[in-house]
């Protein structure tokens, strides 16, 4: 499998998200797009989360299109001040996979010496 990870300007994401992933038709190329935060550790953590989440969803037959549609609806209904992640919603079709990816992300953040609170603030500021 080819994995293509790129850091891009936030306004170039497909929808309002800091990390995005999708497979090509044959599932042999995973594309990950991470919003620029001008911090390589932060960008790495988002990319790691997306990679773990994508692989678990692929293995469990959870369709990326269904996830993207859920995320877009979640973002469209987001109230001001709400910083919840779509994958944390109990109705998310990928809530288990998102939770596991966040766990891995938190472990790596700790190993990198990243303050989780500051990291979340950076993510939520976009």
PDB file of N, CA and C in Angstrom:
ATOM      1  N   UNK A   1       0.837  -1.179   0.000  1.00  0.00           N
ATOM      2  CA  UNK A   1       0.000   0.000   0.000  1.00  0.00           C
ATOM      3  C   UNK A   1       0.886   1.248   0.000  1.00  0.00           C
ATOM      4  N   UNK A   2       0.526   2.198  -0.805  1.00  0.00           N
ATOM      5  CA  UNK A   2       1.198   3.487  -0.851  1.00  0.00           C
ATOM      6  C   UNK A   2       0.435   4.430   0.069  1.00  0.00           C
ATOM      7  N   UNK A   3       1.157   5.136   0.917  1.00  0.00           N
ATOM      8  CA  UNK A   3       0.542   6.120   1.811  1.00  0.00           C
ATOM      9  C   UNK A   3       1.132   7.476   1.471  1.00  0.00           C
ATOM     10  N   UNK A   4       0.271   8.393   1.067  1.00  0.00           N
ATOM     11  CA  UNK A   4       0.659   9.741   0.659  1.00  0.00           C
ATOM     12  C   UNK A   4       0.169  10.725   1.717  1.00  0.00           C
ATOM     13  N   UNK A   5       1.107  11.321   2.451  1.00  0.00           N
ATOM     14  CA  UNK A   5       0.766  12.282   3.508  1.00  0.00           C
ATOM     15  C   UNK A   5       1.286  13.647   3.090  1.00  0.00           C
ATOM     16  N   UNK A   6       0.404  14.639   3.136  1.00  0.00           N
ATOM     17  CA  UNK A   6       0.818  16.006   2.817  1.00  0.00           C
ATOM     18  C   UNK A   6       0.223  16.973   3.819  1.00  0.00           C
ATOM     19  N   UNK A   7       1.020  17.964   4.170  1.00  0.00           N
ATOM     20  CA  UNK A   7       0.551  19.080   4.977  1.00  0.00           C
ATOM     21  C   UNK A   7       0.125  20.163   4.001  1.00  0.00           C
ATOM     22  N   UNK A   8      -1.097  20.657   4.186  1.00  0.00           N
ATOM     23  CA  UNK A   8      -1.669  21.631   3.257  1.00  0.00           C
ATOM     24  C   UNK A   8      -2.250  22.806   4.041  1.00  0.00           C
ATOM     25  N   UNK A   9      -2.462  23.945   3.369  1.00  0.00           N
ATOM     26  CA  UNK A   9      -3.171  25.037   4.041  1.00  0.00           C
ATOM     27  C   UNK A   9      -4.566  24.559   4.468  1.00  0.00           C
ATOM     28  N   UNK A  10      -4.989  24.999   5.634  1.00  0.00           N
ATOM     29  CA  UNK A  10      -6.273  24.541   6.172  1.00  0.00           C
ATOM     30  C   UNK A  10      -7.432  24.774   5.197  1.00  0.00           C
ATOM     31  N   UNK A  11      -7.401  25.898   4.489  1.00  0.00           N
ATOM     32  CA  UNK A  11      -8.519  26.211   3.584  1.00  0.00           C
ATOM     33  C   UNK A  11      -8.565  25.317   2.346  1.00  0.00           C
ATOM     34  N   UNK A  12      -7.588  24.414   2.193  1.00  0.00           N
ATOM     35  CA  UNK A  12      -7.595  23.484   1.062  1.00  0.00           C
ATOM     36  C   UNK A  12      -8.140  22.101   1.437  1.00  0.00           C
ATOM     37  N   UNK A  13      -8.577  21.936   2.688  1.00  0.00           N
ATOM     38  CA  UNK A  13      -9.196  20.667   3.077  1.00  0.00           C
ATOM     39  C   UNK A  13     -10.521  20.498   2.326  1.00  0.00           C
ATOM     40  N   UNK A  14     -10.944  19.242   2.153  1.00  0.00           N
ATOM     41  CA  UNK A  14     -12.201  18.974   1.438  1.00  0.00           C
ATOM     42  C   UNK A  14     -13.405  19.514   2.194  1.00  0.00           C
ATOM     43  N   UNK A  15     -13.301  19.580   3.501  1.00  0.00           N
ATOM     44  CA  UNK A  15     -14.351  20.127   4.357  1.00  0.00           C
ATOM     45  C   UNK A  15     -13.685  20.593   5.638  1.00  0.00           C
ATOM     46  N   UNK A  16     -14.453  21.089   6.582  1.00  0.00           N
ATOM     47  CA  UNK A  16     -13.893  21.652   7.813  1.00  0.00           C
ATOM     48  C   UNK A  16     -13.329  20.547   8.701  1.00  0.00           C
ATOM     49  N   UNK A  17     -12.043  20.298   8.542  1.00  0.00           N
ATOM     50  CA  UNK A  17     -11.347  19.271   9.311  1.00  0.00           C
ATOM     51  C   UNK A  17      -9.856  19.601   9.339  1.00  0.00           C
ATOM     52  N   UNK A  18      -9.169  19.070  10.329  1.00  0.00           N
ATOM     53  CA  UNK A  18      -7.724  19.268  10.423  1.00  0.00           C
ATOM     54  C   UNK A  18      -6.985  18.099   9.775  1.00  0.00           C
ATOM     55  N   UNK A  19      -7.616  16.940   9.796  1.00  0.00           N
ATOM     56  CA  UNK A  19      -7.045  15.751   9.178  1.00  0.00           C
ATOM     57  C   UNK A  19      -8.085  15.045   8.339  1.00  0.00           C
ATOM     58  N   UNK A  20      -7.681  14.592   7.177  1.00  0.00           N
ATOM     59  CA  UNK A  20      -8.604  13.945   6.242  1.00  0.00           C
ATOM     60  C   UNK A  20      -7.888  12.765   5.599  1.00  0.00           C
ATOM     61  N   UNK A  21      -8.626  11.692   5.351  1.00  0.00           N
ATOM     62  CA  UNK A  21      -8.046  10.528   4.675  1.00  0.00           C
ATOM     63  C   UNK A  21      -9.053   9.929   3.719  1.00  0.00           C
ATOM     64  N   UNK A  22      -8.520   9.286   2.690  1.00  0.00           N
ATOM     65  CA  UNK A  22      -9.361   8.538   1.755  1.00  0.00           C
ATOM     66  C   UNK A  22      -8.484   7.571   0.974  1.00  0.00           C
ATOM     67  N   UNK A  23      -9.108   6.485   0.528  1.00  0.00           N
ATOM     68  CA  UNK A  23      -8.431   5.484  -0.285  1.00  0.00           C
ATOM     69  C   UNK A  23      -8.823   5.673  -1.743  1.00  0.00           C
ATOM     70  N   UNK A  24      -7.962   5.210  -2.656  1.00  0.00           N
ATOM     71  CA  UNK A  24      -8.351   5.185  -4.059  1.00  0.00           C
ATOM     72  C   UNK A  24      -9.294   3.997  -4.272  1.00  0.00           C
ATOM     73  N   UNK A  25      -9.777   3.801  -5.488  1.00  0.00           N
ATOM     74  CA  UNK A  25     -10.772   2.754  -5.769  1.00  0.00           C
ATOM     75  C   UNK A  25     -10.298   1.356  -5.419  1.00  0.00           C
ATOM     76  N   UNK A  26      -9.016   1.082  -5.560  1.00  0.00           N
ATOM     77  CA  UNK A  26      -8.486  -0.258  -5.302  1.00  0.00           C
ATOM     78  C   UNK A  26      -8.011  -0.454  -3.867  1.00  0.00           C
ATOM     79  N   UNK A  27      -8.147   0.565  -3.042  1.00  0.00           N
ATOM     80  CA  UNK A  27      -7.692   0.536  -1.649  1.00  0.00           C
ATOM     81  C   UNK A  27      -6.196   0.244  -1.529  1.00  0.00           C
ATOM     82  N   UNK A  28      -5.429   0.589  -2.558  1.00  0.00           N
ATOM     83  CA  UNK A  28      -3.988   0.359  -2.476  1.00  0.00           C
ATOM     84  C   UNK A  28      -3.203   1.662  -2.342  1.00  0.00           C
ATOM     85  N   UNK A  29      -3.931   2.782  -2.231  1.00  0.00           N
ATOM     86  CA  UNK A  29      -3.303   4.076  -1.990  1.00  0.00           C
ATOM     87  C   UNK A  29      -4.135   4.848  -0.975  1.00  0.00           C
ATOM     88  N   UNK A  30      -3.515   5.156   0.150  1.00  0.00           N
ATOM     89  CA  UNK A  30      -4.154   5.949   1.194  1.00  0.00           C
ATOM     90  C   UNK A  30      -3.622   7.372   1.090  1.00  0.00           C
ATOM     91  N   UNK A  31      -4.526   8.322   0.975  1.00  0.00           N
ATOM     92  CA  UNK A  31      -4.166   9.732   0.929  1.00  0.00           C
ATOM     93  C   UNK A  31      -4.567  10.372   2.242  1.00  0.00           C
ATOM     94  N   UNK A  32      -3.628  11.078   2.861  1.00  0.00           N
ATOM     95  CA  UNK A  32      -3.880  11.785   4.120  1.00  0.00           C
ATOM     96  C   UNK A  32      -3.499  13.238   3.914  1.00  0.00           C
ATOM     97  N   UNK A  33      -4.402  14.130   4.297  1.00  0.00           N
ATOM     98  CA  UNK A  33      -4.145  15.561   4.213  1.00  0.00           C
ATOM     99  C   UNK A  33      -4.289  16.146   5.621  1.00  0.00           C
ATOM    100  N   UNK A  34      -3.265  16.878   6.039  1.00  0.00           N
ATOM    101  CA  UNK A  34      -3.208  17.479   7.364  1.00  0.00           C
ATOM    102  C   UNK A  34      -3.096  18.985   7.207  1.00  0.00           C
ATOM    103  N   UNK A  35      -3.892  19.723   7.964  1.00  0.00           N
ATOM    104  CA  UNK A  35      -3.813  21.180   7.926  1.00  0.00           C
ATOM    105  C   UNK A  35      -2.508  21.655   8.548  1.00  0.00           C
ATOM    106  N   UNK A  36      -1.900  22.635   7.923  1.00  0.00           N
ATOM    107  CA  UNK A  36      -0.656  23.204   8.436  1.00  0.00           C
ATOM    108  C   UNK A  36      -0.909  23.877   9.786  1.00  0.00           C
ATOM    109  N   UNK A  37      -0.057  23.536  10.751  1.00  0.00           N
ATOM    110  CA  UNK A  37      -0.100  24.182  12.067  1.00  0.00           C
ATOM    111  C   UNK A  37       1.262  24.772  12.416  1.00  0.00           C
ATOM    112  N   UNK A  38       2.191  24.701  11.474  1.00  0.00           N
ATOM    113  CA  UNK A  38       3.550  25.210  11.658  1.00  0.00           C
ATOM    114  C   UNK A  38       4.233  24.594  12.872  1.00  0.00           C
ATOM    115  N   UNK A  39       3.898  23.312  13.108  1.00  0.00           N
ATOM    116  CA  UNK A  39       4.519  22.557  14.190  1.00  0.00           C
ATOM    117  C   UNK A  39       4.581  21.110  13.721  1.00  0.00           C
ATOM    118  N   UNK A  40       5.767  20.637  13.419  1.00  0.00           N
ATOM    119  CA  UNK A  40       5.890  19.299  12.825  1.00  0.00           C
ATOM    120  C   UNK A  40       5.380  18.200  13.747  1.00  0.00           C
ATOM    121  N   UNK A  41       5.506  18.369  15.056  1.00  0.00           N
ATOM    122  CA  UNK A  41       4.988  17.355  15.979  1.00  0.00           C
ATOM    123  C   UNK A  41       3.463  17.301  15.903  1.00  0.00           C
ATOM    124  N   UNK A  42       2.817  18.449  15.883  1.00  0.00           N
ATOM    125  CA  UNK A  42       1.360  18.499  15.799  1.00  0.00           C
ATOM    126  C   UNK A  42       0.872  17.874  14.496  1.00  0.00           C
ATOM    127  N   UNK A  43       1.527  18.245  13.413  1.00  0.00           N
ATOM    128  CA  UNK A  43       1.131  17.724  12.101  1.00  0.00           C
ATOM    129  C   UNK A  43       1.361  16.218  12.030  1.00  0.00           C
ATOM    130  N   UNK A  44       2.455  15.754  12.603  1.00  0.00           N
ATOM    131  CA  UNK A  44       2.728  14.317  12.655  1.00  0.00           C
ATOM    132  C   UNK A  44       1.645  13.591  13.449  1.00  0.00           C
ATOM    133  N   UNK A  45       1.241  14.151  14.579  1.00  0.00           N
ATOM    134  CA  UNK A  45       0.215  13.511  15.407  1.00  0.00           C
ATOM    135  C   UNK A  45      -1.115  13.388  14.670  1.00  0.00           C
ATOM    136  N   UNK A  46      -1.501  14.436  13.957  1.00  0.00           N
ATOM    137  CA  UNK A  46      -2.743  14.369  13.176  1.00  0.00           C
ATOM    138  C   UNK A  46      -2.618  13.291  12.104  1.00  0.00           C
ATOM    139  N   UNK A  47      -1.496  13.270  11.404  1.00  0.00           N
ATOM    140  CA  UNK A  47      -1.292  12.273  10.345  1.00  0.00           C
ATOM    141  C   UNK A  47      -1.307  10.855  10.912  1.00  0.00           C
ATOM    142  N   UNK A  48      -0.695  10.659  12.062  1.00  0.00           N
ATOM    143  CA  UNK A  48      -0.701   9.347  12.710  1.00  0.00           C
ATOM    144  C   UNK A  48      -2.123   8.920  13.047  1.00  0.00           C
ATOM    145  N   UNK A  49      -2.879   9.821  13.627  1.00  0.00           N
ATOM    146  CA  UNK A  49      -4.287   9.538  13.947  1.00  0.00           C
ATOM    147  C   UNK A  49      -5.044   9.108  12.696  1.00  0.00           C
ATOM    148  N   UNK A  50      -4.884   9.862  11.629  1.00  0.00           N
ATOM    149  CA  UNK A  50      -5.608   9.572  10.390  1.00  0.00           C
ATOM    150  C   UNK A  50      -5.203   8.210   9.819  1.00  0.00           C
ATOM    151  N   UNK A  51      -3.932   7.893   9.875  1.00  0.00           N
ATOM    152  CA  UNK A  51      -3.462   6.613   9.341  1.00  0.00           C
ATOM    153  C   UNK A  51      -4.033   5.442  10.134  1.00  0.00           C
ATOM    154  N   UNK A  52      -3.998   5.528  11.444  1.00  0.00           N
ATOM    155  CA  UNK A  52      -4.541   4.450  12.286  1.00  0.00           C
ATOM    156  C   UNK A  52      -6.042   4.303  12.047  1.00  0.00           C
ATOM    157  N   UNK A  53      -6.745   5.413  12.061  1.00  0.00           N
ATOM    158  CA  UNK A  53      -8.192   5.390  11.853  1.00  0.00           C
ATOM    159  C   UNK A  53      -8.555   4.805  10.492  1.00  0.00           C
ATOM    160  N   UNK A  54      -7.851   5.227   9.456  1.00  0.00           N
ATOM    161  CA  UNK A  54      -8.131   4.755   8.097  1.00  0.00           C
ATOM    162  C   UNK A  54      -7.935   3.249   7.978  1.00  0.00           C
ATOM    163  N   UNK A  55      -6.848   2.741   8.514  1.00  0.00           N
ATOM    164  CA  UNK A  55      -6.573   1.305   8.399  1.00  0.00           C
ATOM    165  C   UNK A  55      -7.612   0.483   9.149  1.00  0.00           C
ATOM    166  N   UNK A  56      -7.997   0.930  10.335  1.00  0.00           N
ATOM    167  CA  UNK A  56      -9.023   0.208  11.092  1.00  0.00           C
ATOM    168  C   UNK A  56     -10.358   0.228  10.345  1.00  0.00           C
ATOM    169  N   UNK A  57     -10.710   1.377   9.776  1.00  0.00           N
ATOM    170  CA  UNK A  57     -11.965   1.462   9.024  1.00  0.00           C
ATOM    171  C   UNK A  57     -11.917   0.556   7.793  1.00  0.00           C
ATOM    172  N   UNK A  58     -10.800   0.537   7.094  1.00  0.00           N
ATOM    173  CA  UNK A  58     -10.663  -0.334   5.926  1.00  0.00           C
ATOM    174  C   UNK A  58     -10.835  -1.792   6.339  1.00  0.00           C
ATOM    175  N   UNK A  59     -10.153  -2.207   7.372  1.00  0.00           N
ATOM    176  CA  UNK A  59     -10.211  -3.602   7.822  1.00  0.00           C
ATOM    177  C   UNK A  59     -11.588  -3.999   8.328  1.00  0.00           C
ATOM    178  N   UNK A  60     -12.337  -3.039   8.831  1.00  0.00           N
ATOM    179  CA  UNK A  60     -13.658  -3.330   9.403  1.00  0.00           C
ATOM    180  C   UNK A  60     -14.800  -3.014   8.441  1.00  0.00           C
ATOM    181  N   UNK A  61     -14.457  -2.632   7.214  1.00  0.00           N
ATOM    182  CA  UNK A  61     -15.477  -2.407   6.198  1.00  0.00           C
ATOM    183  C   UNK A  61     -16.297  -1.145   6.388  1.00  0.00           C
ATOM    184  N   UNK A  62     -15.737  -0.156   7.052  1.00  0.00           N
ATOM    185  CA  UNK A  62     -16.448   1.107   7.249  1.00  0.00           C
ATOM    186  C   UNK A  62     -16.066   2.038   6.107  1.00  0.00           C
ATOM    187  N   UNK A  63     -17.044   2.433   5.344  1.00  0.00           N
ATOM    188  CA  UNK A  63     -16.860   3.192   4.109  1.00  0.00           C
ATOM    189  C   UNK A  63     -16.440   4.644   4.379  1.00  0.00           C
ATOM    190  N   UNK A  64     -15.377   5.074   3.727  1.00  0.00           N
ATOM    191  CA  UNK A  64     -14.888   6.447   3.879  1.00  0.00           C
ATOM    192  C   UNK A  64     -15.947   7.456   3.478  1.00  0.00           C
ATOM    193  N   UNK A  65     -16.713   7.165   2.449  1.00  0.00           N
ATOM    194  CA  UNK A  65     -17.750   8.108   2.009  1.00  0.00           C
ATOM    195  C   UNK A  65     -18.799   8.319   3.105  1.00  0.00           C
ATOM    196  N   UNK A  66     -19.146   7.249   3.813  1.00  0.00           N
ATOM    197  CA  UNK A  66     -20.102   7.343   4.921  1.00  0.00           C
ATOM    198  C   UNK A  66     -19.516   8.210   6.047  1.00  0.00           C
ATOM    199  N   UNK A  67     -18.238   8.042   6.314  1.00  0.00           N
ATOM    200  CA  UNK A  67     -17.569   8.823   7.355  1.00  0.00           C
ATOM    201  C   UNK A  67     -17.523  10.296   6.966  1.00  0.00           C
ATOM    202  N   UNK A  68     -17.131  10.572   5.736  1.00  0.00           N
ATOM    203  CA  UNK A  68     -17.037  11.958   5.268  1.00  0.00           C
ATOM    204  C   UNK A  68     -18.401  12.630   5.316  1.00  0.00           C
ATOM    205  N   UNK A  69     -19.447  11.930   4.883  1.00  0.00           N
ATOM    206  CA  UNK A  69     -20.795  12.484   4.940  1.00  0.00           C
ATOM    207  C   UNK A  69     -21.202  12.780   6.379  1.00  0.00           C
ATOM    208  N   UNK A  70     -20.913  11.853   7.286  1.00  0.00           N
ATOM    209  CA  UNK A  70     -21.225  12.071   8.705  1.00  0.00           C
ATOM    210  C   UNK A  70     -20.480  13.306   9.211  1.00  0.00           C
ATOM    211  N   UNK A  71     -19.176  13.381   8.917  1.00  0.00           N
ATOM    212  CA  UNK A  71     -18.367  14.512   9.378  1.00  0.00           C
ATOM    213  C   UNK A  71     -18.893  15.836   8.837  1.00  0.00           C
ATOM    214  N   UNK A  72     -19.264  15.863   7.568  1.00  0.00           N
ATOM    215  CA  UNK A  72     -19.756  17.099   6.961  1.00  0.00           C
ATOM    216  C   UNK A  72     -21.069  17.541   7.604  1.00  0.00           C
ATOM    217  N   UNK A  73     -21.958  16.595   7.869  1.00  0.00           N
ATOM    218  CA  UNK A  73     -23.222  16.933   8.544  1.00  0.00           C
ATOM    219  C   UNK A  73     -22.961  17.422   9.960  1.00  0.00           C
ATOM    220  N   UNK A  74     -22.033  16.768  10.636  1.00  0.00           N
ATOM    221  CA  UNK A  74     -21.675  17.170  11.995  1.00  0.00           C
ATOM    222  C   UNK A  74     -21.151  18.606  11.999  1.00  0.00           C
ATOM    223  N   UNK A  75     -20.252  18.911  11.078  1.00  0.00           N
ATOM    224  CA  UNK A  75     -19.671  20.251  11.010  1.00  0.00           C
ATOM    225  C   UNK A  75     -20.712  21.301  10.642  1.00  0.00           C
ATOM    226  N   UNK A  76     -21.635  20.964   9.760  1.00  0.00           N
ATOM    227  CA  UNK A  76     -22.679  21.909   9.353  1.00  0.00           C
ATOM    228  C   UNK A  76     -23.600  22.257  10.520  1.00  0.00           C
ATOM    229  N   UNK A  77     -23.780  21.314  11.436  1.00  0.00           N
ATOM    230  CA  UNK A  77     -24.666  21.529  12.584  1.00  0.00           C
ATOM    231  C   UNK A  77     -23.909  22.016  13.823  1.00  0.00           C
ATOM    232  N   UNK A  78     -22.616  22.182  13.720  1.00  0.00           N
ATOM    233  CA  UNK A  78     -21.794  22.576  14.881  1.00  0.00           C
ATOM    234  C   UNK A  78     -22.220  23.950  15.393  1.00  0.00           C
ATOM    235  N   UNK A  79     -22.402  24.036  16.703  1.00  0.00           N
ATOM    236  CA  UNK A  79     -22.725  25.307  17.333  1.00  0.00           C
ATOM    237  C   UNK A  79     -21.440  26.030  17.707  1.00  0.00           C
ATOM    238  N   UNK A  80     -21.489  27.368  17.729  1.00  0.00           N
ATOM    239  CA  UNK A  80     -20.323  28.162  18.107  1.00  0.00           C
ATOM    240  C   UNK A  80     -19.810  27.725  19.470  1.00  0.00           C
ATOM    241  N   UNK A  81     -18.500  27.586  19.558  1.00  0.00           N
ATOM    242  CA  UNK A  81     -17.887  27.204  20.822  1.00  0.00           C
ATOM    243  C   UNK A  81     -17.757  25.708  21.044  1.00  0.00           C
ATOM    244  N   UNK A  82     -18.432  24.910  20.232  1.00  0.00           N
ATOM    245  CA  UNK A  82     -18.358  23.457  20.364  1.00  0.00           C
ATOM    246  C   UNK A  82     -17.078  22.975  19.696  1.00  0.00           C
ATOM    247  N   UNK A  83     -16.217  22.299  20.469  1.00  0.00           N
ATOM    248  CA  UNK A  83     -14.951  21.803  19.929  1.00  0.00           C
ATOM    249  C   UNK A  83     -14.921  20.271  19.862  1.00  0.00           C
ATOM    250  N   UNK A  84     -16.084  19.639  19.976  1.00  0.00           N
ATOM    251  CA  UNK A  84     -16.151  18.177  19.892  1.00  0.00           C
ATOM    252  C   UNK A  84     -15.671  17.709  18.523  1.00  0.00           C
ATOM    253  N   UNK A  85     -15.104  16.518  18.499  1.00  0.00           N
ATOM    254  CA  UNK A  85     -14.723  15.910  17.225  1.00  0.00           C
ATOM    255  C   UNK A  85     -15.873  15.041  16.741  1.00  0.00           C
ATOM    256  N   UNK A  86     -16.128  15.044  15.431  1.00  0.00           N
ATOM    257  CA  UNK A  86     -17.223  14.221  14.909  1.00  0.00           C
ATOM    258  C   UNK A  86     -17.095  12.751  15.310  1.00  0.00           C
ATOM    259  N   UNK A  87     -15.898  12.222  15.325  1.00  0.00           N
ATOM    260  CA  UNK A  87     -15.689  10.818  15.655  1.00  0.00           C
ATOM    261  C   UNK A  87     -16.005  10.463  17.096  1.00  0.00           C
ATOM    262  N   UNK A  88     -16.121  11.475  17.961  1.00  0.00           N
ATOM    263  CA  UNK A  88     -16.487  11.234  19.362  1.00  0.00           C
ATOM    264  C   UNK A  88     -17.995  11.127  19.549  1.00  0.00           C
ATOM    265  N   UNK A  89     -18.751  11.508  18.544  1.00  0.00           N
ATOM    266  CA  UNK A  89     -20.212  11.443  18.628  1.00  0.00           C
ATOM    267  C   UNK A  89     -20.651   9.980  18.682  1.00  0.00           C
ATOM    268  N   UNK A  90     -21.537   9.625  19.602  1.00  0.00           N
ATOM    269  CA  UNK A  90     -22.001   8.229  19.687  1.00  0.00           C
ATOM    270  C   UNK A  90     -22.614   7.697  18.391  1.00  0.00           C
ATOM    271  N   UNK A  91     -23.100   8.590  17.534  1.00  0.00           N
ATOM    272  CA  UNK A  91     -23.707   8.161  16.269  1.00  0.00           C
ATOM    273  C   UNK A  91     -22.679   7.999  15.151  1.00  0.00           C
ATOM    274  N   UNK A  92     -21.433   8.347  15.401  1.00  0.00           N
ATOM    275  CA  UNK A  92     -20.402   8.261  14.353  1.00  0.00           C
ATOM    276  C   UNK A  92     -20.211   6.805  13.931  1.00  0.00           C
ATOM    277  N   UNK A  93     -20.185   6.550  12.628  1.00  0.00           N
ATOM    278  CA  UNK A  93     -20.020   5.169  12.155  1.00  0.00           C
ATOM    279  C   UNK A  93     -18.626   4.604  12.431  1.00  0.00           C
ATOM    280  N   UNK A  94     -17.728   5.447  12.866  1.00  0.00           N
ATOM    281  CA  UNK A  94     -16.342   5.049  13.099  1.00  0.00           C
ATOM    282  C   UNK A  94     -15.884   5.442  14.510  1.00  0.00           C
ATOM    283  N   UNK A  95     -16.811   5.508  15.465  1.00  0.00           N
ATOM    284  CA  UNK A  95     -16.467   5.992  16.802  1.00  0.00           C
ATOM    285  C   UNK A  95     -15.410   5.124  17.487  1.00  0.00           C
ATOM    286  N   UNK A  96     -15.507   3.815  17.343  1.00  0.00           N
ATOM    287  CA  UNK A  96     -14.530   2.906  17.962  1.00  0.00           C
ATOM    288  C   UNK A  96     -13.137   3.101  17.343  1.00  0.00           C
ATOM    289  N   UNK A  97     -13.092   3.221  16.043  1.00  0.00           N
ATOM    290  CA  UNK A  97     -11.829   3.394  15.325  1.00  0.00           C
ATOM    291  C   UNK A  97     -11.204   4.753  15.651  1.00  0.00           C
ATOM    292  N   UNK A  98     -12.048   5.776  15.735  1.00  0.00           N
ATOM    293  CA  UNK A  98     -11.584   7.113  16.097  1.00  0.00           C
ATOM    294  C   UNK A  98     -11.027   7.119  17.524  1.00  0.00           C
ATOM    295  N   UNK A  99     -11.719   6.465  18.429  1.00  0.00           N
ATOM    296  CA  UNK A  99     -11.272   6.413  19.824  1.00  0.00           C
ATOM    297  C   UNK A  99      -9.905   5.739  19.923  1.00  0.00           C
ATOM    298  N   UNK A 100      -9.728   4.628  19.218  1.00  0.00           N
ATOM    299  CA  UNK A 100      -8.449   3.936  19.259  1.00  0.00           C
ATOM    300  C   UNK A 100      -7.341   4.806  18.669  1.00  0.00           C
ATOM    301  N   UNK A 101      -7.625   5.461  17.541  1.00  0.00           N
ATOM    302  CA  UNK A 101      -6.635   6.333  16.905  1.00  0.00           C
ATOM    303  C   UNK A 101      -6.251   7.484  17.838  1.00  0.00           C
ATOM    304  N   UNK A 102      -7.220   8.020  18.570  1.00  0.00           N
ATOM    305  CA  UNK A 102      -6.931   9.081  19.534  1.00  0.00           C
ATOM    306  C   UNK A 102      -6.056   8.557  20.663  1.00  0.00           C
ATOM    307  N   UNK A 103      -6.290   7.335  21.074  1.00  0.00           N
ATOM    308  CA  UNK A 103      -5.459   6.731  22.122  1.00  0.00           C
ATOM    309  C   UNK A 103      -4.005   6.614  21.673  1.00  0.00           C
ATOM    310  N   UNK A 104      -3.795   6.152  20.454  1.00  0.00           N
ATOM    311  CA  UNK A 104      -2.440   6.047  19.895  1.00  0.00           C
ATOM    312  C   UNK A 104      -1.820   7.442  19.793  1.00  0.00           C
ATOM    313  N   UNK A 105      -2.610   8.386  19.336  1.00  0.00           N
ATOM    314  CA  UNK A 105      -2.159   9.778  19.183  1.00  0.00           C
ATOM    315  C   UNK A 105      -1.710  10.354  20.531  1.00  0.00           C
ATOM    316  N   UNK A 106      -2.484  10.085  21.576  1.00  0.00           N
ATOM    317  CA  UNK A 106      -2.137  10.575  22.914  1.00  0.00           C
ATOM    318  C   UNK A 106      -0.844   9.937  23.425  1.00  0.00           C
ATOM    319  N   UNK A 107      -0.688   8.644  23.187  1.00  0.00           N
ATOM    320  CA  UNK A 107       0.542   7.971  23.597  1.00  0.00           C
ATOM    321  C   UNK A 107       1.762   8.578  22.907  1.00  0.00           C
ATOM    322  N   UNK A 108       1.646   8.808  21.612  1.00  0.00           N
ATOM    323  CA  UNK A 108       2.760   9.390  20.864  1.00  0.00           C
ATOM    324  C   UNK A 108       3.015  10.825  21.312  1.00  0.00           C
ATOM    325  N   UNK A 109       1.961  11.583  21.567  1.00  0.00           N
ATOM    326  CA  UNK A 109       2.127  12.961  22.046  1.00  0.00           C
ATOM    327  C   UNK A 109       2.934  12.976  23.339  1.00  0.00           C
ATOM    328  N   UNK A 110       2.636  12.066  24.219  1.00  0.00           N
ATOM    329  CA  UNK A 110       3.374  11.967  25.479  1.00  0.00           C
ATOM    330  C   UNK A 110       4.851  11.670  25.228  1.00  0.00           C
ATOM    331  N   UNK A 111       5.116  10.736  24.336  1.00  0.00           N
ATOM    332  CA  UNK A 111       6.510  10.373  24.010  1.00  0.00           C
ATOM    333  C   UNK A 111       7.258  11.524  23.357  1.00  0.00           C
ATOM    334  N   UNK A 112       6.538  12.376  22.622  1.00  0.00           N
ATOM    335  CA  UNK A 112       7.158  13.525  21.956  1.00  0.00           C
ATOM    336  C   UNK A 112       7.254  14.753  22.860  1.00  0.00           C
ATOM    337  N   UNK A 113       6.700  14.647  24.074  1.00  0.00           N
ATOM    338  CA  UNK A 113       6.723  15.782  24.994  1.00  0.00           C
ATOM    339  C   UNK A 113       5.738  16.878  24.624  1.00  0.00           C
ATOM    340  N   UNK A 114       4.673  16.496  23.933  1.00  0.00           N
ATOM    341  CA  UNK A 114       3.651  17.457  23.515  1.00  0.00           C
ATOM    342  C   UNK A 114       2.615  17.622  24.630  1.00  0.00           C
ATOM    343  N   UNK A 115       2.354  18.856  24.991  1.00  0.00           N
ATOM    344  CA  UNK A 115       1.307  19.172  25.969  1.00  0.00           C
ATOM    345  C   UNK A 115      -0.039  19.019  25.243  1.00  0.00           C
ATOM    346  N   UNK A 116      -0.834  18.040  25.648  1.00  0.00           N
ATOM    347  CA  UNK A 116      -2.085  17.735  24.955  1.00  0.00           C
ATOM    348  C   UNK A 116      -3.030  18.933  24.913  1.00  0.00           C
ATOM    349  N   UNK A 117      -3.080  19.708  26.000  1.00  0.00           N
ATOM    350  CA  UNK A 117      -3.968  20.863  26.058  1.00  0.00           C
ATOM    351  C   UNK A 117      -3.563  21.900  25.005  1.00  0.00           C
ATOM    352  N   UNK A 118      -2.271  22.168  24.878  1.00  0.00           N
ATOM    353  CA  UNK A 118      -1.800  23.133  23.882  1.00  0.00           C
ATOM    354  C   UNK A 118      -2.020  22.607  22.462  1.00  0.00           C
ATOM    355  N   UNK A 119      -1.817  21.322  22.293  1.00  0.00           N
ATOM    356  CA  UNK A 119      -2.052  20.683  20.993  1.00  0.00           C
ATOM    357  C   UNK A 119      -3.517  20.829  20.589  1.00  0.00           C
ATOM    358  N   UNK A 120      -4.426  20.505  21.498  1.00  0.00           N
ATOM    359  CA  UNK A 120      -5.861  20.632  21.192  1.00  0.00           C
ATOM    360  C   UNK A 120      -6.230  22.077  20.873  1.00  0.00           C
ATOM    361  N   UNK A 121      -5.638  23.023  21.603  1.00  0.00           N
ATOM    362  CA  UNK A 121      -5.908  24.438  21.322  1.00  0.00           C
ATOM    363  C   UNK A 121      -5.474  24.798  19.897  1.00  0.00           C
ATOM    364  N   UNK A 122      -4.326  24.288  19.484  1.00  0.00           N
ATOM    365  CA  UNK A 122      -3.836  24.570  18.125  1.00  0.00           C
ATOM    366  C   UNK A 122      -4.769  23.968  17.086  1.00  0.00           C
ATOM    367  N   UNK A 123      -5.202  22.743  17.317  1.00  0.00           N
ATOM    368  CA  UNK A 123      -6.121  22.073  16.389  1.00  0.00           C
ATOM    369  C   UNK A 123      -7.442  22.831  16.311  1.00  0.00           C
ATOM    370  N   UNK A 124      -7.979  23.219  17.467  1.00  0.00           N
ATOM    371  CA  UNK A 124      -9.274  23.895  17.508  1.00  0.00           C
ATOM    372  C   UNK A 124      -9.230  25.341  17.000  1.00  0.00           C
ATOM    373  N   UNK A 125      -8.027  25.896  16.899  1.00  0.00           N
ATOM    374  CA  UNK A 125      -7.916  27.284  16.445  1.00  0.00           C
ATOM    375  C   UNK A 125      -8.056  27.413  14.930  1.00  0.00           C
ATOM    376  N   UNK A 126      -7.994  26.308  14.231  1.00  0.00           N
ATOM    377  CA  UNK A 126      -8.076  26.372  12.760  1.00  0.00           C
ATOM    378  C   UNK A 126      -9.501  26.506  12.274  1.00  0.00           C
TER     379      UNK A 126
END
